Amino acid sequence: MSEQRIKELLEELLEELQQLEGVDEELIATVRELESGVGDLVNPAIDSSDSTVLDDAIALEAVFAASHPVAEKIIREPINSLSRIGI
């Protein structure tokens, strides 16, 4: 899976969360930060050697597991992809 597809999935996740009632704005902000972090990973001008994007995504998945099972499934795909490309 390409970096572009990971970005698309995160955008889809944001759209889904924004449509749900009662979603915490902090949670949406966290997904936006993750999206930004993925963007930084693919930008060769930014040193991402100390990136915590994968760890952040895994933590977000745990949050979703408890309250948003569909979002959990969406975030799982980018996590798997990031793991495969060595992030």
Protein backbone atom coordinates (compact mmCIF):
# COMPACT_ATOMS: atom_id res chain seq x y z
CA MET A 1 0.00 0.00 0.00
CA SER A 2 1.31 3.40 -0.95
CA GLU A 3 1.75 6.37 1.32
CA GLN A 4 -1.00 8.08 -0.66
CA ARG A 5 -3.43 5.28 0.17
CA ILE A 6 -2.54 5.62 3.86
CA LYS A 7 -3.34 9.32 3.67
CA GLU A 8 -6.63 8.55 1.94
CA LEU A 9 -7.60 6.11 4.67
CA LEU A 10 -6.85 8.66 7.35
CA GLU A 11 -8.94 11.24 5.50
CA GLU A 12 -11.76 8.69 5.31
CA LEU A 13 -11.42 8.08 9.03
CA LEU A 14 -11.66 11.81 9.74
CA GLU A 15 -14.77 12.10 7.61
CA GLU A 16 -16.41 9.17 9.40
CA LEU A 17 -15.59 10.56 12.83
CA GLN A 18 -16.90 14.00 11.97
CA GLN A 19 -20.23 12.49 10.97
CA LEU A 20 -20.71 10.66 14.26
CA GLU A 21 -22.51 12.33 17.12
CA GLY A 22 -20.67 12.71 20.39
CA VAL A 23 -17.16 12.28 19.04
CA ASP A 24 -14.64 14.09 21.17
CA GLU A 25 -12.87 16.96 19.38
CA GLU A 26 -9.63 15.83 21.00
CA LEU A 27 -9.99 12.49 19.22
CA ILE A 28 -10.45 14.24 15.89
CA ALA A 29 -7.40 16.40 16.62
CA THR A 30 -5.39 13.26 17.37
CA VAL A 31 -6.32 11.77 14.00
CA ARG A 32 -5.32 15.04 12.30
CA GLU A 33 -1.95 14.91 14.07
CA LEU A 34 -1.50 11.34 12.89
CA GLU A 35 -2.35 12.40 9.35
CA SER A 36 0.23 15.17 9.58
CA GLY A 37 2.79 12.72 10.95
CA VAL A 38 2.28 10.40 8.00
CA GLY A 39 2.76 13.38 5.70
CA ASP A 40 6.04 14.14 7.45
CA LEU A 41 7.19 10.55 6.99
CA VAL A 42 6.93 10.75 3.24
CA ASN A 43 8.50 14.20 2.99
CA PRO A 44 12.22 13.71 2.29
CA ALA A 45 13.00 17.20 3.62
CA ILE A 46 11.88 16.24 7.13
CA ASP A 47 13.96 14.00 9.38
CA SER A 48 11.50 11.40 10.62
CA SER A 49 13.97 9.04 12.25
CA ASP A 50 12.44 9.63 15.68
CA SER A 51 8.83 9.45 14.48
CA THR A 52 6.22 7.90 16.73
CA VAL A 53 3.56 7.68 14.03
CA LEU A 54 3.16 3.91 14.26
CA ASP A 55 2.97 3.98 18.06
CA ASP A 56 0.45 6.81 17.88
CA ALA A 57 -1.67 4.89 15.40
CA ILE A 58 -1.63 1.78 17.60
CA ALA A 59 -2.69 3.84 20.62
CA LEU A 60 -5.49 5.37 18.58
CA GLU A 61 -6.61 1.91 17.51
CA ALA A 62 -6.95 0.94 21.17
CA VAL A 63 -9.15 3.97 21.80
CA PHE A 64 -11.31 3.09 18.83
CA ALA A 65 -11.59 -0.54 19.90
CA ALA A 66 -13.54 0.52 22.96
CA SER A 67 -15.89 3.03 21.41
CA HIS A 68 -15.75 3.08 17.59
CA PRO A 69 -15.34 -0.42 16.09
CA VAL A 70 -15.69 0.77 12.48
CA ALA A 71 -12.96 3.36 13.01
CA GLU A 72 -10.81 0.64 14.55
CA LYS A 73 -11.05 -1.36 11.33
CA ILE A 74 -10.19 1.69 9.23
CA ILE A 75 -7.10 2.55 11.31
CA ARG A 76 -5.90 -1.07 11.29
CA GLU A 77 -5.17 -0.91 7.54
CA PRO A 78 -2.72 2.04 7.75
CA ILE A 79 -1.08 0.44 10.80
CA ASN A 80 -0.45 -2.74 8.84
CA SER A 81 0.86 -0.75 5.89
CA LEU A 82 3.19 1.36 8.02
CA SER A 83 4.54 -1.81 9.59
CA ARG A 84 5.17 -3.37 6.17
CA ILE A 85 7.09 -0.36 4.86
CA GLY A 86 9.29 -0.35 7.93
CA ILE A 87 8.02 2.68 9.82
